[in-house]
């Protein structure tokens, strides 16, 4: 990075390490099997991936992916997954309805940092709050990774019955392995992908 600044020259750097790409690159080309997937700034690749591959490649831990079924109730879309549901905001509902996704399956993507366990988040996001049992607790000093599994005890047909989730939370969290806690999804930060094409539907 210092060499780049000193030379002020165009440098092409090839790496399989997304952290290197994010920290060194001003413009990144993400490739898969020799095919360009997206060309963008590091921040846009992270915030606005064009497909499932880019979304999963950028970020560590990677984005959580959840298979959902889309249902329309009163002009708004609900996403049903592992015995749970969330109601989407109007803009995302409109995209799904206009795109013909009602009754179909989509992939919900949410980054670990957009899953909250603080009380203020639980209170402000009641419609996307779930109970979960912590399976693994990782303290990394400035942050904590919580790993848990959402299960469908009613065994919903045609959808995955379990989904493994990673949350990145404040190190002051009191959650520990074996605890059942409440966690909230920040629905303003989710991404929705077409299950067949894996292309982005909306951010």
N, C-alpha and C. Protein backbone atom coordinates (compact mmCIF):
# COMPACT_ATOMS: atom_id res chain seq x y z
N UNK A 1 0.83 -1.20 0.00
CA UNK A 1 0.00 0.00 0.00
C UNK A 1 0.87 1.26 0.00
N UNK A 2 1.96 1.23 0.79
CA UNK A 2 2.87 2.40 0.81
C UNK A 2 3.55 2.56 -0.53
N UNK A 3 3.95 1.44 -1.16
CA UNK A 3 4.59 1.49 -2.47
C UNK A 3 3.65 2.09 -3.51
N UNK A 4 2.40 1.70 -3.43
CA UNK A 4 1.38 2.22 -4.36
C UNK A 4 1.26 3.73 -4.20
N UNK A 5 1.22 4.19 -2.96
CA UNK A 5 1.10 5.62 -2.71
C UNK A 5 2.32 6.39 -3.19
N UNK A 6 3.50 5.80 -2.97
CA UNK A 6 4.74 6.50 -3.33
C UNK A 6 4.92 6.58 -4.85
N UNK A 7 4.62 5.47 -5.55
CA UNK A 7 4.81 5.46 -7.00
C UNK A 7 3.70 6.19 -7.74
N UNK A 8 2.52 6.23 -7.11
CA UNK A 8 1.35 6.84 -7.76
C UNK A 8 1.15 6.26 -9.16
N UNK A 9 1.28 4.93 -9.26
CA UNK A 9 1.16 4.25 -10.55
C UNK A 9 0.05 3.21 -10.48
N UNK A 10 -0.46 2.85 -11.64
CA UNK A 10 -1.45 1.77 -11.69
C UNK A 10 -0.77 0.44 -11.44
N UNK A 11 -1.28 -0.32 -10.47
CA UNK A 11 -0.71 -1.62 -10.13
C UNK A 11 -1.82 -2.67 -10.23
N UNK A 12 -1.53 -3.75 -10.92
CA UNK A 12 -2.47 -4.87 -10.99
C UNK A 12 -1.98 -5.94 -10.03
N UNK A 13 -2.83 -6.29 -9.09
CA UNK A 13 -2.46 -7.23 -8.02
C UNK A 13 -3.47 -8.37 -8.03
N UNK A 14 -2.98 -9.58 -8.11
CA UNK A 14 -3.86 -10.76 -8.17
C UNK A 14 -3.78 -11.52 -6.85
N UNK A 15 -4.94 -11.82 -6.27
CA UNK A 15 -4.95 -12.51 -4.98
C UNK A 15 -6.23 -13.32 -4.82
N UNK A 16 -6.13 -14.39 -4.04
CA UNK A 16 -7.31 -15.16 -3.65
C UNK A 16 -7.83 -14.70 -2.29
N UNK A 17 -7.10 -13.80 -1.65
CA UNK A 17 -7.43 -13.34 -0.30
C UNK A 17 -8.29 -12.08 -0.39
N UNK A 18 -9.57 -12.21 -0.01
CA UNK A 18 -10.46 -11.06 -0.14
C UNK A 18 -10.06 -9.91 0.78
N UNK A 19 -9.39 -10.22 1.91
CA UNK A 19 -8.94 -9.15 2.81
C UNK A 19 -7.85 -8.32 2.14
N UNK A 20 -6.91 -8.99 1.46
CA UNK A 20 -5.89 -8.26 0.70
C UNK A 20 -6.53 -7.40 -0.38
N UNK A 21 -7.48 -7.96 -1.09
CA UNK A 21 -8.14 -7.22 -2.17
C UNK A 21 -8.85 -5.98 -1.62
N UNK A 22 -9.56 -6.15 -0.51
CA UNK A 22 -10.32 -5.04 0.08
C UNK A 22 -9.39 -3.93 0.58
N UNK A 23 -8.26 -4.31 1.19
CA UNK A 23 -7.39 -3.31 1.80
C UNK A 23 -6.45 -2.65 0.79
N UNK A 24 -6.05 -3.37 -0.26
CA UNK A 24 -5.10 -2.83 -1.22
C UNK A 24 -5.77 -2.20 -2.44
N UNK A 25 -6.91 -2.72 -2.82
CA UNK A 25 -7.51 -2.31 -4.09
C UNK A 25 -8.32 -1.03 -4.00
N UNK A 26 -8.26 -0.23 -5.08
CA UNK A 26 -9.18 0.90 -5.22
C UNK A 26 -10.32 0.53 -6.17
N UNK A 27 -10.05 -0.44 -7.01
CA UNK A 27 -11.08 -1.00 -7.88
C UNK A 27 -10.78 -2.48 -8.03
N UNK A 28 -11.77 -3.31 -7.81
CA UNK A 28 -11.55 -4.75 -7.75
C UNK A 28 -12.37 -5.45 -8.81
N UNK A 29 -11.74 -6.44 -9.46
CA UNK A 29 -12.45 -7.33 -10.38
C UNK A 29 -12.58 -8.68 -9.67
N UNK A 30 -13.80 -9.10 -9.43
CA UNK A 30 -14.04 -10.41 -8.81
C UNK A 30 -14.33 -11.41 -9.93
N UNK A 31 -13.54 -12.50 -9.95
CA UNK A 31 -13.68 -13.50 -11.00
C UNK A 31 -14.00 -14.86 -10.41
N UNK A 32 -14.75 -15.63 -11.15
CA UNK A 32 -15.06 -17.01 -10.78
C UNK A 32 -14.96 -17.87 -12.03
N UNK A 33 -14.13 -18.91 -11.98
CA UNK A 33 -13.93 -19.80 -13.13
C UNK A 33 -13.57 -19.03 -14.39
N UNK A 34 -12.77 -17.96 -14.21
CA UNK A 34 -12.32 -17.18 -15.36
C UNK A 34 -13.33 -16.19 -15.89
N UNK A 35 -14.48 -16.08 -15.24
CA UNK A 35 -15.53 -15.17 -15.70
C UNK A 35 -15.66 -14.00 -14.71
N UNK A 36 -15.66 -12.78 -15.23
CA UNK A 36 -15.82 -11.60 -14.37
C UNK A 36 -17.23 -11.56 -13.79
N UNK A 37 -17.31 -11.45 -12.47
CA UNK A 37 -18.60 -11.38 -11.79
C UNK A 37 -19.01 -9.93 -11.50
N UNK A 38 -18.06 -9.11 -11.08
CA UNK A 38 -18.36 -7.72 -10.75
C UNK A 38 -17.08 -6.91 -10.74
N UNK A 39 -17.16 -5.69 -11.23
CA UNK A 39 -16.04 -4.74 -11.19
C UNK A 39 -16.52 -3.52 -10.43
N UNK A 40 -15.88 -3.23 -9.29
CA UNK A 40 -16.41 -2.14 -8.46
C UNK A 40 -15.39 -1.73 -7.41
N UNK A 41 -15.76 -0.72 -6.63
CA UNK A 41 -14.93 -0.31 -5.50
C UNK A 41 -15.07 -1.35 -4.39
N UNK A 42 -14.11 -1.43 -3.47
CA UNK A 42 -14.22 -2.38 -2.36
C UNK A 42 -15.52 -2.22 -1.57
N UNK A 43 -15.90 -0.97 -1.28
CA UNK A 43 -17.10 -0.75 -0.47
C UNK A 43 -18.36 -1.20 -1.19
N UNK A 44 -18.44 -0.91 -2.50
CA UNK A 44 -19.62 -1.33 -3.25
C UNK A 44 -19.71 -2.85 -3.38
N UNK A 45 -18.57 -3.51 -3.51
CA UNK A 45 -18.57 -4.97 -3.57
C UNK A 45 -19.13 -5.55 -2.28
N UNK A 46 -18.80 -4.90 -1.18
CA UNK A 46 -19.26 -5.38 0.13
C UNK A 46 -20.74 -5.04 0.35
N UNK A 47 -21.12 -3.81 0.01
CA UNK A 47 -22.47 -3.34 0.31
C UNK A 47 -23.50 -3.72 -0.76
N UNK A 48 -23.05 -3.82 -2.01
CA UNK A 48 -23.98 -4.02 -3.12
C UNK A 48 -23.49 -5.11 -4.08
N UNK A 49 -23.32 -6.34 -3.59
CA UNK A 49 -22.87 -7.44 -4.47
C UNK A 49 -23.93 -7.74 -5.52
N UNK A 50 -23.47 -8.11 -6.72
CA UNK A 50 -24.42 -8.36 -7.81
C UNK A 50 -24.96 -9.78 -7.81
N UNK A 51 -24.29 -10.68 -7.07
CA UNK A 51 -24.78 -12.06 -7.04
C UNK A 51 -24.32 -12.76 -5.76
N UNK A 52 -24.76 -13.98 -5.62
CA UNK A 52 -24.51 -14.77 -4.41
C UNK A 52 -23.01 -15.03 -4.21
N UNK A 53 -22.29 -15.26 -5.31
CA UNK A 53 -20.86 -15.55 -5.19
C UNK A 53 -20.10 -14.36 -4.63
N UNK A 54 -20.33 -13.19 -5.18
CA UNK A 54 -19.63 -11.99 -4.70
C UNK A 54 -20.00 -11.71 -3.25
N UNK A 55 -21.28 -11.86 -2.92
CA UNK A 55 -21.74 -11.62 -1.56
C UNK A 55 -21.04 -12.53 -0.56
N UNK A 56 -20.86 -13.80 -0.95
CA UNK A 56 -20.22 -14.76 -0.05
C UNK A 56 -18.72 -14.61 -0.01
N UNK A 57 -18.14 -14.12 -1.10
CA UNK A 57 -16.68 -14.00 -1.18
C UNK A 57 -16.17 -12.80 -0.39
N UNK A 58 -16.90 -11.71 -0.42
CA UNK A 58 -16.46 -10.49 0.26
C UNK A 58 -16.98 -10.50 1.70
N UNK A 59 -16.07 -10.41 2.64
CA UNK A 59 -16.47 -10.36 4.05
C UNK A 59 -16.05 -11.60 4.81
N UNK A 60 -15.60 -11.40 6.04
CA UNK A 60 -15.18 -12.50 6.90
C UNK A 60 -15.57 -12.20 8.35
N UNK A 61 -16.41 -13.06 8.97
CA UNK A 61 -17.05 -14.25 8.40
C UNK A 61 -17.98 -13.85 7.24
N UNK A 62 -18.25 -14.81 6.39
CA UNK A 62 -19.02 -14.50 5.20
C UNK A 62 -20.49 -14.24 5.54
N UNK A 63 -21.18 -13.67 4.58
CA UNK A 63 -22.61 -13.39 4.72
C UNK A 63 -23.38 -14.67 5.02
N UNK A 64 -24.38 -14.57 5.88
CA UNK A 64 -25.29 -15.70 6.14
C UNK A 64 -26.30 -15.79 5.01
N UNK A 65 -26.57 -17.02 4.55
CA UNK A 65 -27.56 -17.24 3.49
C UNK A 65 -28.67 -18.15 4.00
N UNK A 66 -29.92 -17.72 3.77
CA UNK A 66 -31.08 -18.47 4.26
C UNK A 66 -32.09 -18.64 3.13
N UNK A 67 -32.45 -19.88 2.85
CA UNK A 67 -33.48 -20.15 1.84
C UNK A 67 -34.85 -19.80 2.41
N UNK A 68 -35.62 -19.01 1.66
CA UNK A 68 -36.94 -18.54 2.13
C UNK A 68 -38.00 -18.77 1.07
N UNK A 69 -39.24 -18.86 1.52
CA UNK A 69 -40.38 -18.87 0.61
C UNK A 69 -41.09 -17.53 0.72
N UNK A 70 -41.44 -16.94 -0.42
CA UNK A 70 -42.07 -15.63 -0.45
C UNK A 70 -43.59 -15.78 -0.46
N UNK A 71 -44.24 -15.09 0.49
CA UNK A 71 -45.70 -15.06 0.52
C UNK A 71 -46.17 -13.61 0.58
N UNK A 72 -47.31 -13.33 -0.06
CA UNK A 72 -47.86 -11.98 -0.04
C UNK A 72 -49.04 -11.91 0.91
N UNK A 73 -49.00 -10.96 1.81
CA UNK A 73 -50.09 -10.75 2.78
C UNK A 73 -50.40 -9.25 2.83
N UNK A 74 -51.58 -8.89 2.37
CA UNK A 74 -51.99 -7.48 2.43
C UNK A 74 -51.10 -6.54 1.64
N UNK A 75 -50.59 -7.01 0.51
CA UNK A 75 -49.77 -6.16 -0.34
C UNK A 75 -48.32 -6.09 0.05
N UNK A 76 -47.93 -6.80 1.11
CA UNK A 76 -46.53 -6.84 1.52
C UNK A 76 -46.04 -8.29 1.52
N UNK A 77 -44.76 -8.44 1.35
CA UNK A 77 -44.21 -9.80 1.26
C UNK A 77 -43.67 -10.26 2.61
N UNK A 78 -43.93 -11.53 2.89
CA UNK A 78 -43.35 -12.20 4.04
C UNK A 78 -42.34 -13.22 3.54
N UNK A 79 -41.24 -13.33 4.25
CA UNK A 79 -40.26 -14.39 3.97
C UNK A 79 -40.39 -15.45 5.05
N UNK A 80 -40.67 -16.68 4.64
CA UNK A 80 -40.85 -17.79 5.58
C UNK A 80 -39.61 -18.69 5.51
N UNK A 81 -39.03 -18.98 6.66
CA UNK A 81 -37.83 -19.84 6.71
C UNK A 81 -37.76 -20.52 8.07
N UNK A 82 -37.37 -21.78 8.05
CA UNK A 82 -37.23 -22.63 9.24
C UNK A 82 -38.26 -22.32 10.34
N UNK A 83 -39.53 -22.31 9.95
CA UNK A 83 -40.60 -22.11 10.92
C UNK A 83 -40.76 -20.70 11.41
N UNK A 84 -40.11 -19.74 10.76
CA UNK A 84 -40.19 -18.34 11.16
C UNK A 84 -40.56 -17.49 9.97
N UNK A 85 -40.89 -16.24 10.23
CA UNK A 85 -41.21 -15.34 9.13
C UNK A 85 -40.84 -13.91 9.50
N UNK A 86 -40.54 -13.13 8.46
CA UNK A 86 -40.32 -11.70 8.61
C UNK A 86 -41.11 -10.99 7.52
N UNK A 87 -41.58 -9.80 7.82
CA UNK A 87 -42.32 -8.99 6.85
C UNK A 87 -41.40 -7.92 6.30
N UNK A 88 -41.33 -7.82 4.98
CA UNK A 88 -40.40 -6.89 4.35
C UNK A 88 -40.98 -5.49 4.24
N UNK A 89 -40.06 -4.53 4.14
CA UNK A 89 -40.47 -3.15 3.90
C UNK A 89 -41.06 -3.03 2.50
N UNK A 90 -41.76 -1.92 2.28
CA UNK A 90 -42.53 -1.74 1.04
C UNK A 90 -41.67 -1.85 -0.22
N UNK A 91 -40.49 -1.24 -0.21
CA UNK A 91 -39.66 -1.22 -1.43
C UNK A 91 -39.24 -2.63 -1.83
N UNK A 92 -38.82 -3.43 -0.84
CA UNK A 92 -38.42 -4.80 -1.15
C UNK A 92 -39.63 -5.65 -1.52
N UNK A 93 -40.74 -5.44 -0.86
CA UNK A 93 -41.97 -6.16 -1.20
C UNK A 93 -42.36 -5.89 -2.64
N UNK A 94 -42.28 -4.63 -3.04
CA UNK A 94 -42.64 -4.24 -4.40
C UNK A 94 -41.75 -4.95 -5.43
N UNK A 95 -40.44 -5.00 -5.14
CA UNK A 95 -39.50 -5.67 -6.04
C UNK A 95 -39.85 -7.14 -6.23
N UNK A 96 -40.18 -7.82 -5.12
CA UNK A 96 -40.50 -9.24 -5.19
C UNK A 96 -41.82 -9.48 -5.93
N UNK A 97 -42.80 -8.65 -5.64
CA UNK A 97 -44.11 -8.81 -6.29
C UNK A 97 -43.99 -8.55 -7.79
N UNK A 98 -43.33 -7.45 -8.14
CA UNK A 98 -43.18 -7.10 -9.57
C UNK A 98 -42.30 -8.11 -10.30
N UNK A 99 -41.38 -8.73 -9.57
CA UNK A 99 -40.49 -9.71 -10.20
C UNK A 99 -41.09 -11.10 -10.29
N UNK A 100 -42.32 -11.27 -9.77
CA UNK A 100 -42.99 -12.56 -9.86
C UNK A 100 -42.46 -13.60 -8.89
N UNK A 101 -41.98 -13.15 -7.74
CA UNK A 101 -41.37 -14.08 -6.78
C UNK A 101 -42.35 -14.61 -5.73
N UNK A 102 -43.57 -14.10 -5.70
CA UNK A 102 -44.55 -14.58 -4.72
C UNK A 102 -44.82 -16.07 -4.97
N UNK A 103 -44.72 -16.87 -3.91
CA UNK A 103 -44.89 -18.31 -4.03
C UNK A 103 -43.63 -19.05 -4.41
N UNK A 104 -42.54 -18.31 -4.64
CA UNK A 104 -41.28 -18.93 -5.03
C UNK A 104 -40.27 -18.83 -3.88
N UNK A 105 -39.12 -19.45 -4.11
CA UNK A 105 -38.05 -19.41 -3.11
C UNK A 105 -36.98 -18.41 -3.52
N UNK A 106 -36.48 -17.71 -2.52
CA UNK A 106 -35.37 -16.78 -2.72
C UNK A 106 -34.34 -17.04 -1.63
N UNK A 107 -33.17 -16.43 -1.78
CA UNK A 107 -32.12 -16.54 -0.77
C UNK A 107 -31.99 -15.20 -0.07
N UNK A 108 -32.16 -15.21 1.24
CA UNK A 108 -31.96 -14.02 2.06
C UNK A 108 -30.50 -14.01 2.51
N UNK A 109 -29.83 -12.88 2.31
CA UNK A 109 -28.46 -12.73 2.77
C UNK A 109 -28.38 -11.65 3.83
N UNK A 110 -27.70 -11.94 4.92
CA UNK A 110 -27.51 -10.94 5.98
C UNK A 110 -26.12 -11.12 6.57
N UNK A 111 -25.40 -10.02 6.71
CA UNK A 111 -24.04 -10.09 7.23
C UNK A 111 -24.06 -10.26 8.75
N UNK A 112 -23.02 -10.92 9.30
CA UNK A 112 -22.97 -11.18 10.74
C UNK A 112 -23.14 -9.93 11.61
N UNK A 113 -22.61 -8.79 11.15
CA UNK A 113 -22.71 -7.57 11.96
C UNK A 113 -24.11 -6.97 11.95
N UNK A 114 -24.98 -7.46 11.08
CA UNK A 114 -26.36 -6.95 11.02
C UNK A 114 -27.32 -7.84 11.80
N UNK A 115 -26.77 -8.74 12.60
CA UNK A 115 -27.56 -9.55 13.52
C UNK A 115 -27.20 -9.10 14.93
N UNK A 116 -28.19 -8.64 15.67
CA UNK A 116 -27.94 -7.95 16.94
C UNK A 116 -28.44 -8.77 18.13
N UNK A 117 -27.75 -8.58 19.27
CA UNK A 117 -28.25 -9.20 20.50
C UNK A 117 -28.42 -8.17 21.63
N UNK A 118 -28.14 -6.87 21.33
CA UNK A 118 -28.32 -5.84 22.35
C UNK A 118 -29.82 -5.62 22.61
N UNK A 119 -30.15 -5.26 23.83
CA UNK A 119 -31.54 -5.08 24.23
C UNK A 119 -32.22 -4.00 23.41
N UNK A 120 -31.49 -2.92 23.11
CA UNK A 120 -32.10 -1.82 22.34
C UNK A 120 -32.50 -2.30 20.95
N UNK A 121 -31.70 -3.19 20.35
CA UNK A 121 -32.03 -3.73 19.03
C UNK A 121 -33.21 -4.68 19.12
N UNK A 122 -33.24 -5.50 20.16
CA UNK A 122 -34.36 -6.44 20.35
C UNK A 122 -35.67 -5.67 20.46
N UNK A 123 -35.63 -4.55 21.18
CA UNK A 123 -36.85 -3.75 21.39
C UNK A 123 -37.26 -3.01 20.12
N UNK A 124 -36.28 -2.60 19.32
CA UNK A 124 -36.60 -1.80 18.13
C UNK A 124 -36.90 -2.66 16.90
N UNK A 125 -36.57 -3.96 16.97
CA UNK A 125 -36.79 -4.86 15.84
C UNK A 125 -37.63 -6.08 16.25
N UNK A 126 -38.81 -5.84 16.84
CA UNK A 126 -39.60 -6.97 17.38
C UNK A 126 -40.08 -7.94 16.31
N UNK A 127 -40.27 -7.47 15.08
CA UNK A 127 -40.82 -8.33 14.03
C UNK A 127 -39.76 -9.23 13.38
N UNK A 128 -38.51 -9.02 13.74
CA UNK A 128 -37.45 -9.88 13.18
C UNK A 128 -36.53 -10.37 14.30
N UNK A 129 -37.14 -10.65 15.46
CA UNK A 129 -36.40 -11.15 16.61
C UNK A 129 -36.75 -12.61 16.85
N UNK A 130 -35.72 -13.44 17.07
CA UNK A 130 -35.93 -14.87 17.27
C UNK A 130 -35.11 -15.35 18.46
N UNK A 131 -35.51 -16.48 18.99
CA UNK A 131 -34.72 -17.11 20.04
C UNK A 131 -33.76 -18.11 19.42
N UNK A 132 -32.57 -18.18 19.97
CA UNK A 132 -31.57 -19.10 19.43
C UNK A 132 -30.65 -19.57 20.55
N UNK A 133 -30.21 -20.81 20.43
CA UNK A 133 -29.26 -21.37 21.40
C UNK A 133 -27.85 -21.23 20.86
N UNK A 134 -26.97 -20.64 21.64
CA UNK A 134 -25.60 -20.41 21.21
C UNK A 134 -24.83 -21.74 21.23
N UNK A 135 -24.24 -22.09 20.06
CA UNK A 135 -23.47 -23.34 19.94
C UNK A 135 -21.98 -23.09 20.15
N UNK A 136 -21.49 -21.96 19.63
CA UNK A 136 -20.07 -21.62 19.74
C UNK A 136 -19.94 -20.14 20.07
N UNK A 137 -19.00 -19.83 20.97
CA UNK A 137 -18.70 -18.45 21.35
C UNK A 137 -17.23 -18.20 21.07
N UNK A 138 -16.92 -17.18 20.25
CA UNK A 138 -15.53 -16.86 19.93
C UNK A 138 -15.24 -15.42 20.31
N UNK A 139 -14.38 -15.23 21.29
CA UNK A 139 -13.96 -13.88 21.69
C UNK A 139 -12.69 -13.51 20.93
N UNK A 140 -12.76 -12.41 20.18
CA UNK A 140 -11.61 -11.96 19.41
C UNK A 140 -11.10 -10.61 19.91
N UNK A 141 -11.37 -10.33 21.17
CA UNK A 141 -10.90 -9.08 21.76
C UNK A 141 -11.89 -7.95 21.53
N UNK A 142 -11.83 -7.33 20.34
CA UNK A 142 -12.69 -6.18 20.04
C UNK A 142 -14.08 -6.60 19.57
N UNK A 143 -14.28 -7.89 19.34
CA UNK A 143 -15.57 -8.37 18.89
C UNK A 143 -15.75 -9.82 19.29
N UNK A 144 -17.01 -10.26 19.22
CA UNK A 144 -17.35 -11.65 19.55
C UNK A 144 -18.16 -12.22 18.39
N UNK A 145 -17.83 -13.46 18.01
CA UNK A 145 -18.64 -14.18 17.03
C UNK A 145 -19.50 -15.19 17.79
N UNK A 146 -20.80 -15.14 17.55
CA UNK A 146 -21.73 -16.12 18.12
C UNK A 146 -22.24 -17.00 16.99
N UNK A 147 -22.19 -18.31 17.18
CA UNK A 147 -22.67 -19.27 16.18
C UNK A 147 -23.87 -20.00 16.76
N UNK A 148 -24.95 -20.05 15.98
CA UNK A 148 -26.15 -20.74 16.45
C UNK A 148 -26.90 -21.33 15.26
N UNK A 149 -27.84 -22.18 15.56
CA UNK A 149 -28.63 -22.84 14.51
C UNK A 149 -30.10 -22.54 14.73
N UNK A 150 -30.77 -22.07 13.68
CA UNK A 150 -32.23 -21.93 13.71
C UNK A 150 -32.82 -23.22 13.16
N UNK A 151 -33.78 -23.77 13.90
CA UNK A 151 -34.38 -25.05 13.51
C UNK A 151 -35.88 -24.91 13.32
N UNK A 152 -36.41 -25.69 12.40
CA UNK A 152 -37.86 -25.76 12.17
C UNK A 152 -38.38 -27.02 12.83
N UNK A 153 -38.96 -26.86 13.99
CA UNK A 153 -39.44 -28.03 14.73
C UNK A 153 -40.71 -28.61 14.12
N UNK A 154 -41.37 -27.83 13.23
CA UNK A 154 -42.58 -28.32 12.56
C UNK A 154 -42.28 -29.03 11.24
N UNK A 155 -40.98 -29.07 10.89
CA UNK A 155 -40.55 -29.82 9.70
C UNK A 155 -41.26 -29.36 8.43
N UNK A 156 -41.16 -28.03 8.16
CA UNK A 156 -41.79 -27.47 6.96
C UNK A 156 -41.25 -28.15 5.70
N UNK A 157 -42.14 -28.54 4.81
CA UNK A 157 -41.74 -29.24 3.60
C UNK A 157 -41.08 -28.28 2.60
N UNK A 158 -40.19 -28.83 1.81
CA UNK A 158 -39.55 -28.15 0.69
C UNK A 158 -38.62 -27.00 1.09
N UNK A 159 -38.33 -26.83 2.37
CA UNK A 159 -37.37 -25.83 2.80
C UNK A 159 -36.37 -26.50 3.74
N UNK A 160 -35.18 -25.92 3.82
CA UNK A 160 -34.21 -26.46 4.75
C UNK A 160 -34.76 -26.37 6.17
N UNK A 161 -34.58 -27.42 6.96
CA UNK A 161 -35.14 -27.46 8.32
C UNK A 161 -34.20 -26.86 9.36
N UNK A 162 -32.96 -26.66 9.00
CA UNK A 162 -32.02 -25.98 9.89
C UNK A 162 -31.17 -25.02 9.07
N UNK A 163 -30.71 -23.96 9.72
CA UNK A 163 -29.79 -23.03 9.07
C UNK A 163 -28.80 -22.54 10.12
N UNK A 164 -27.52 -22.63 9.77
CA UNK A 164 -26.47 -22.18 10.67
C UNK A 164 -26.21 -20.69 10.46
N UNK A 165 -26.13 -19.95 11.55
CA UNK A 165 -26.01 -18.50 11.50
C UNK A 165 -24.80 -18.05 12.32
N UNK A 166 -24.11 -17.03 11.82
CA UNK A 166 -23.02 -16.39 12.55
C UNK A 166 -23.38 -14.93 12.79
N UNK A 167 -23.20 -14.48 14.03
CA UNK A 167 -23.44 -13.08 14.37
C UNK A 167 -22.16 -12.47 14.91
N UNK A 168 -21.87 -11.24 14.52
CA UNK A 168 -20.72 -10.50 15.06
C UNK A 168 -21.29 -9.46 16.02
N UNK A 169 -20.98 -9.60 17.31
CA UNK A 169 -21.61 -8.74 18.32
C UNK A 169 -20.55 -8.07 19.19
N UNK A 170 -21.03 -7.16 20.04
CA UNK A 170 -20.17 -6.42 20.95
C UNK A 170 -19.52 -7.37 21.97
N UNK A 171 -18.24 -7.19 22.29
CA UNK A 171 -17.58 -8.09 23.26
C UNK A 171 -18.18 -8.03 24.66
N UNK A 172 -19.01 -7.04 24.93
CA UNK A 172 -19.66 -6.96 26.24
C UNK A 172 -20.86 -7.90 26.35
N UNK A 173 -21.16 -8.63 25.28
CA UNK A 173 -22.29 -9.55 25.33
C UNK A 173 -22.14 -10.53 26.49
N UNK A 174 -23.27 -10.88 27.09
CA UNK A 174 -23.25 -11.86 28.19
C UNK A 174 -23.56 -13.26 27.69
N UNK A 175 -23.84 -13.42 26.40
CA UNK A 175 -24.18 -14.73 25.84
C UNK A 175 -23.00 -15.68 25.89
N UNK A 176 -23.27 -16.92 26.24
CA UNK A 176 -22.25 -17.95 26.29
C UNK A 176 -22.82 -19.24 25.71
N UNK A 177 -21.95 -20.21 25.45
CA UNK A 177 -22.37 -21.48 24.87
C UNK A 177 -23.46 -22.12 25.75
N UNK A 178 -24.52 -22.58 25.10
CA UNK A 178 -25.63 -23.22 25.81
C UNK A 178 -26.75 -22.27 26.18
N UNK A 179 -26.47 -20.95 26.13
CA UNK A 179 -27.51 -19.97 26.46
C UNK A 179 -28.51 -19.87 25.32
N UNK A 180 -29.77 -19.70 25.65
CA UNK A 180 -30.80 -19.36 24.67
C UNK A 180 -31.06 -17.87 24.78
N UNK A 181 -30.78 -17.15 23.72
CA UNK A 181 -30.90 -15.70 23.75
C UNK A 181 -31.82 -15.23 22.63
N UNK A 182 -32.15 -13.95 22.66
CA UNK A 182 -32.90 -13.34 21.57
C UNK A 182 -31.91 -12.62 20.65
N UNK A 183 -32.09 -12.84 19.36
CA UNK A 183 -31.28 -12.14 18.37
C UNK A 183 -32.23 -11.49 17.36
N UNK A 184 -31.80 -10.36 16.81
CA UNK A 184 -32.65 -9.61 15.88
C UNK A 184 -31.93 -9.39 14.56
N UNK A 185 -32.65 -9.60 13.45
CA UNK A 185 -32.14 -9.30 12.13
C UNK A 185 -32.48 -7.85 11.79
N UNK A 186 -31.48 -7.08 11.35
CA UNK A 186 -31.74 -5.73 10.86
C UNK A 186 -32.19 -5.85 9.40
N UNK A 187 -33.49 -5.79 9.19
CA UNK A 187 -34.05 -6.03 7.85
C UNK A 187 -33.72 -4.92 6.86
N UNK A 188 -33.25 -3.77 7.35
CA UNK A 188 -32.87 -2.70 6.44
C UNK A 188 -31.54 -3.00 5.76
N UNK A 189 -30.83 -4.04 6.23
CA UNK A 189 -29.50 -4.35 5.70
C UNK A 189 -29.47 -5.68 4.92
N UNK A 190 -30.62 -6.31 4.70
CA UNK A 190 -30.61 -7.62 4.05
C UNK A 190 -30.45 -7.50 2.54
N UNK A 191 -30.05 -8.61 1.93
CA UNK A 191 -29.95 -8.73 0.47
C UNK A 191 -30.81 -9.93 0.07
N UNK A 192 -31.47 -9.82 -1.07
CA UNK A 192 -32.29 -10.92 -1.57
C UNK A 192 -31.78 -11.36 -2.94
N UNK A 193 -31.61 -12.68 -3.09
CA UNK A 193 -31.05 -13.24 -4.32
C UNK A 193 -32.02 -14.23 -4.96
N UNK A 194 -32.02 -14.27 -6.28
CA UNK A 194 -32.78 -15.26 -7.02
C UNK A 194 -32.17 -16.63 -6.76
N UNK A 195 -32.98 -17.59 -6.37
CA UNK A 195 -32.45 -18.92 -6.01
C UNK A 195 -31.88 -19.65 -7.22
N UNK A 196 -32.45 -19.46 -8.39
CA UNK A 196 -32.00 -20.17 -9.58
C UNK A 196 -30.78 -19.52 -10.22
N UNK A 197 -30.86 -18.23 -10.49
CA UNK A 197 -29.77 -17.53 -11.19
C UNK A 197 -28.69 -17.05 -10.23
N UNK A 198 -29.03 -16.94 -8.94
CA UNK A 198 -28.15 -16.41 -7.89
C UNK A 198 -27.85 -14.92 -8.06
N UNK A 199 -28.58 -14.25 -8.96
CA UNK A 199 -28.40 -12.80 -9.15
C UNK A 199 -29.14 -12.04 -8.05
N UNK A 200 -28.68 -10.82 -7.80
CA UNK A 200 -29.33 -10.00 -6.78
C UNK A 200 -30.72 -9.57 -7.26
N UNK A 201 -31.68 -9.61 -6.34
CA UNK A 201 -33.02 -9.07 -6.62
C UNK A 201 -33.09 -7.66 -6.08
N UNK A 202 -32.68 -7.49 -4.83
CA UNK A 202 -32.65 -6.15 -4.22
C UNK A 202 -31.76 -6.17 -2.99
N UNK A 203 -31.23 -4.98 -2.66
CA UNK A 203 -30.40 -4.81 -1.48
C UNK A 203 -31.26 -4.27 -0.33
